[in-house]
Every structure is written in C-alpha cells, then in structure tokens.
Amino acid sequence: MDAFNYLSVMVSMVLGLGLTQLFAGIGNMVQVRRRVKFYWLHAIWLVLMIGLHIQMWWSFWMMRGVAEWTYTGFAFVLLGPATLVIASHVLLPELVDGTIDVERHYYDTRTVFFGLLAAAGAWALMLESAIGLRSLIVPFRLVQVLGIFLMIWCAWTTNRRVHAGCTFLVIVMLVSTTLLTRYRLGQTQME
C-alpha cells in the first residue's frame, strides 16, 4: 500500500463521519417533524453540505500526485474535512423538547457556521500550493476567493435576501466548478 492510499483512509473516515452526522440529523428531524418548524434555506444548506463533503472527498484524488508526505502536511490536509464535520454539527439543530425553530437556529448559528465554511474555503485556497501540487496563482482561485467572501458576508449579516442570494451563488459555483474542473476523477481543467 502506498502513502496516498494509506492516508486517504483517514480523510475518507473523517468525511464519512460528517456525512453520517448530516444523514442522521436529517433523519432525526424527519422523525420529530411535527415539532420542527421547517426553513427552506436551512434545508438547502443541509443538501449543500452533503455536496461539499462529496466534493472534498472527490477532490482528494488530486493528492495522489504528492511525492512525499509529511506529518504536518497530512495534518494540514485533515483540517478541511474536520472543519466541514464541525460545520455540519453546528448546522444541525439540537432536538430538544417543544418546537424546534430551524430558522432561528440557522440565524443564531450563522456566524459560527459560515465562519467555519470561510475557514474551509481559505484552507482549500491554500491546499494545493501548500502540498506542492499547483501554484497559488491560478484563475480558479478567483472562484474560491468569491466563495470565501460570500461565506464571510453570510456570517456577518442576518439579511434574508443576502442569504438567499449567496446560497444561490454557492449552488451555481459548486455545480459549475464540479462540471468544469472535477467532473471526471483526476480532471484538473481551469488551471
């Protein structure tokens, strides 16, 4: 077994934990649905978080090109998946007795949730250059910077229109970058 295959197990386990948490949280909310006050934007972010976990796992394939792994390099690689798992936990409301106001939870936790997503975006921005795969300066980074800016804006504001608009832009960015840069395993266009 080579180093990449060995290390990819841990990345897969961490991302799998995040997906398990999201799926279990959705299932729990469905079980107590009569007590859950639904909020459409929260539901979209639950789906987006599933997509972000899958995208991160799928993108990890690019790391197979790393010639030499170090402990600190791998610890840095794990920061992104760990951040997504923590953000997923923050996004899911605690299922307490009484009515669960998902909209209130969404806006109450927005600073932490979107702050974590901004941190994950900054991590992704630096990852390939930190690991030695690609230069920091490539056109694709503009999309990443826009994503970080949108997450910071959502962390800062409670304006519902801004949150809806940013969410729409994130969907467009995730779908388009997946189709253009990583639709096929190992594909790296838009360099």
Protein backbone atom coordinates (compact mmCIF):
# COMPACT_ATOMS: atom_id res chain seq x y z
CA MET A 1 0.00 0.00 0.00
CA ASP A 2 1.41 3.41 -0.93
CA ALA A 3 1.27 6.52 1.28
CA PHE A 4 -1.63 8.11 -0.60
CA ASN A 5 -3.85 5.04 -0.21
CA TYR A 6 -2.94 4.76 3.45
CA LEU A 7 -3.66 8.43 4.20
CA SER A 8 -6.83 8.59 2.10
CA VAL A 9 -8.44 6.14 4.55
CA MET A 10 -8.32 8.76 7.31
CA VAL A 11 -9.68 11.51 5.05
CA SER A 12 -12.50 9.18 3.99
CA MET A 13 -13.28 8.33 7.61
CA VAL A 14 -13.48 11.99 8.66
CA LEU A 15 -15.65 12.96 5.68
CA GLY A 16 -17.76 9.84 6.22
CA LEU A 17 -18.33 10.95 9.79
CA GLY A 18 -19.60 14.29 8.54
CA LEU A 19 -21.95 12.64 6.04
CA THR A 20 -23.20 10.24 8.71
CA GLN A 21 -23.87 13.18 11.00
CA LEU A 22 -25.80 15.01 8.27
CA PHE A 23 -27.87 11.98 7.26
CA ALA A 24 -28.62 11.09 10.89
CA GLY A 25 -29.56 14.70 11.66
CA ILE A 26 -31.91 14.84 8.69
CA GLY A 27 -33.44 11.51 9.73
CA ASN A 28 -33.89 12.74 13.30
CA MET A 29 -35.62 15.91 12.09
CA VAL A 30 -37.95 13.81 9.94
CA GLN A 31 -38.79 11.65 12.96
CA VAL A 32 -39.86 14.66 15.02
CA ARG A 33 -41.16 16.62 12.02
CA ARG A 34 -44.35 17.64 13.83
CA ARG A 35 -42.21 19.64 16.26
CA VAL A 36 -39.83 21.06 13.64
CA LYS A 37 -40.58 24.46 12.14
CA PHE A 38 -39.12 23.98 8.64
CA TYR A 39 -36.93 26.64 6.98
CA TRP A 40 -36.19 26.27 3.29
CA LEU A 41 -32.75 27.93 3.39
CA HIS A 42 -31.58 25.59 6.14
CA ALA A 43 -32.78 22.60 4.10
CA ILE A 44 -30.80 23.80 1.08
CA TRP A 45 -27.66 24.17 3.22
CA LEU A 46 -28.08 20.63 4.52
CA VAL A 47 -28.06 19.40 0.92
CA LEU A 48 -25.15 21.72 0.06
CA MET A 49 -23.15 20.37 2.99
CA ILE A 50 -23.65 16.84 1.65
CA GLY A 51 -22.42 18.09 -1.72
CA LEU A 52 -19.41 19.84 -0.16
CA HIS A 53 -18.41 16.66 1.67
CA ILE A 54 -18.63 14.66 -1.55
CA GLN A 55 -16.74 17.35 -3.49
CA MET A 56 -13.96 17.42 -0.90
CA TRP A 57 -13.61 13.63 -0.93
CA TRP A 58 -13.68 13.55 -4.73
CA SER A 59 -11.06 16.31 -4.93
CA PHE A 60 -8.73 14.43 -2.59
CA TRP A 61 -7.81 12.23 -5.57
CA MET A 62 -5.55 15.07 -6.75
CA MET A 63 -3.38 14.44 -3.69
CA ARG A 64 -2.19 11.18 -5.22
CA GLY A 65 0.43 13.29 -7.01
CA VAL A 66 2.14 14.32 -3.77
CA ALA A 67 5.64 12.87 -3.95
CA GLU A 68 6.46 12.92 -0.26
CA TRP A 69 4.05 13.12 2.66
CA THR A 70 4.96 14.64 5.99
CA TYR A 71 3.08 14.56 9.27
CA THR A 72 2.44 18.32 9.19
CA GLY A 73 1.35 18.18 5.55
CA PHE A 74 -1.15 15.46 6.29
CA ALA A 75 -2.36 17.25 9.43
CA PHE A 76 -2.97 20.30 7.24
CA VAL A 77 -4.88 18.15 4.75
CA LEU A 78 -7.14 16.91 7.57
CA LEU A 79 -8.07 20.46 8.61
CA GLY A 80 -10.50 20.86 5.70
CA PRO A 81 -12.52 17.69 6.31
CA ALA A 82 -12.52 18.35 10.07
CA THR A 83 -13.85 21.87 9.50
CA LEU A 84 -16.69 20.53 7.35
CA VAL A 85 -17.63 17.97 10.01
CA ILE A 86 -17.74 20.65 12.70
CA ALA A 87 -19.76 22.99 10.44
CA SER A 88 -22.23 20.14 9.81
CA HIS A 89 -22.66 19.67 13.54
CA VAL A 90 -23.28 23.40 14.01
CA LEU A 91 -25.85 23.45 11.19
CA LEU A 92 -27.98 20.71 12.74
CA PRO A 93 -30.29 21.99 15.50
CA GLU A 94 -30.43 20.22 18.82
CA LEU A 95 -33.65 18.25 19.00
CA VAL A 96 -34.98 19.37 22.36
CA ASP A 97 -38.48 19.13 23.78
CA GLY A 98 -41.01 21.52 22.32
CA THR A 99 -40.95 23.18 18.93
CA ILE A 100 -37.64 23.37 17.10
CA ASP A 101 -37.41 26.66 15.20
CA VAL A 102 -34.93 25.82 12.42
CA GLU A 103 -34.98 29.36 11.02
CA ARG A 104 -33.99 30.80 14.38
CA HIS A 105 -31.26 28.17 14.74
CA TYR A 106 -29.94 29.00 11.26
CA TYR A 107 -29.55 32.71 12.00
CA ASP A 108 -28.37 32.15 15.59
CA THR A 109 -25.52 29.92 14.42
CA ARG A 110 -24.76 31.71 11.14
CA THR A 111 -21.59 33.39 12.44
CA VAL A 112 -20.00 30.12 13.51
CA PHE A 113 -21.36 28.05 10.60
CA PHE A 114 -20.39 30.44 7.82
CA GLY A 115 -17.16 31.32 9.63
CA LEU A 116 -16.22 27.64 9.52
CA LEU A 117 -17.13 27.48 5.82
CA ALA A 118 -14.98 30.57 5.17
CA ALA A 119 -12.13 28.86 7.02
CA ALA A 120 -12.63 25.71 4.92
CA GLY A 121 -12.58 27.90 1.81
CA ALA A 122 -9.31 29.53 2.90
CA TRP A 123 -7.91 26.06 3.57
CA ALA A 124 -8.94 24.92 0.07
CA LEU A 125 -7.43 28.07 -1.42
CA MET A 126 -4.01 27.26 0.06
CA LEU A 127 -4.09 23.45 -0.02
CA GLU A 128 -2.61 22.66 -3.43
CA SER A 129 0.21 25.17 -3.12
CA ALA A 130 0.96 24.10 0.48
CA ILE A 131 1.20 20.46 -0.59
CA GLY A 132 3.25 21.38 -3.67
CA LEU A 133 0.78 20.38 -6.38
CA ARG A 134 -0.01 23.71 -8.05
CA SER A 135 0.80 27.37 -7.80
CA LEU A 136 -1.35 29.57 -5.59
CA ILE A 137 -1.90 31.89 -8.54
CA VAL A 138 -4.28 30.20 -10.99
CA PRO A 139 -7.56 31.57 -12.40
CA PHE A 140 -9.66 29.06 -10.44
CA ARG A 141 -8.61 30.79 -7.21
CA LEU A 142 -10.87 33.73 -8.08
CA VAL A 143 -13.89 31.45 -7.66
CA GLN A 144 -12.53 30.28 -4.31
CA VAL A 145 -11.98 33.86 -3.14
CA LEU A 146 -15.55 34.73 -4.16
CA GLY A 147 -16.82 31.75 -2.15
CA ILE A 148 -14.86 32.87 0.93
CA PHE A 149 -16.24 36.40 0.55
CA LEU A 150 -19.81 35.06 0.32
CA MET A 151 -19.33 32.97 3.48
CA ILE A 152 -17.95 35.95 5.40
CA TRP A 153 -20.88 38.07 4.22
CA CYS A 154 -23.37 35.42 5.37
CA ALA A 155 -21.58 35.14 8.73
CA TRP A 156 -21.88 38.88 9.20
CA THR A 157 -25.46 39.63 8.09
CA THR A 158 -28.94 38.45 9.02
CA ASN A 159 -30.44 39.88 5.82
CA ARG A 160 -32.58 37.09 4.39
CA ARG A 161 -32.18 38.29 0.79
CA VAL A 162 -28.40 38.25 1.11
CA HIS A 163 -28.50 34.71 2.50
CA ALA A 164 -30.81 33.58 -0.32
CA GLY A 165 -28.64 35.26 -2.98
CA CYS A 166 -25.38 33.90 -1.56
CA THR A 167 -26.89 30.42 -1.34
CA PHE A 168 -27.94 30.59 -4.99
CA LEU A 169 -24.43 31.73 -5.98
CA VAL A 170 -22.83 28.92 -3.98
CA ILE A 171 -25.04 26.38 -5.76
CA VAL A 172 -24.03 27.80 -9.15
CA MET A 173 -20.35 27.83 -8.14
CA LEU A 174 -20.40 24.28 -6.79
CA VAL A 175 -22.18 22.85 -9.82
CA SER A 176 -20.14 24.76 -12.39
CA THR A 177 -16.75 24.11 -10.78
CA THR A 178 -17.59 20.43 -10.37
CA LEU A 179 -18.57 20.14 -14.04
CA LEU A 180 -15.64 22.23 -15.31
CA THR A 181 -12.79 21.11 -13.08
CA ARG A 182 -13.52 17.80 -11.42
CA TYR A 183 -16.36 16.02 -13.18
CA ARG A 184 -14.08 13.09 -14.07
CA LEU A 185 -11.78 11.66 -11.43
CA GLY A 186 -8.41 13.35 -11.75
CA GLN A 187 -9.66 16.06 -14.10
CA THR A 188 -7.98 19.42 -13.47
CA GLN A 189 -9.04 21.94 -16.07
CA MET A 190 -9.24 25.70 -15.38
CA GLU A 191 -5.66 25.75 -14.17
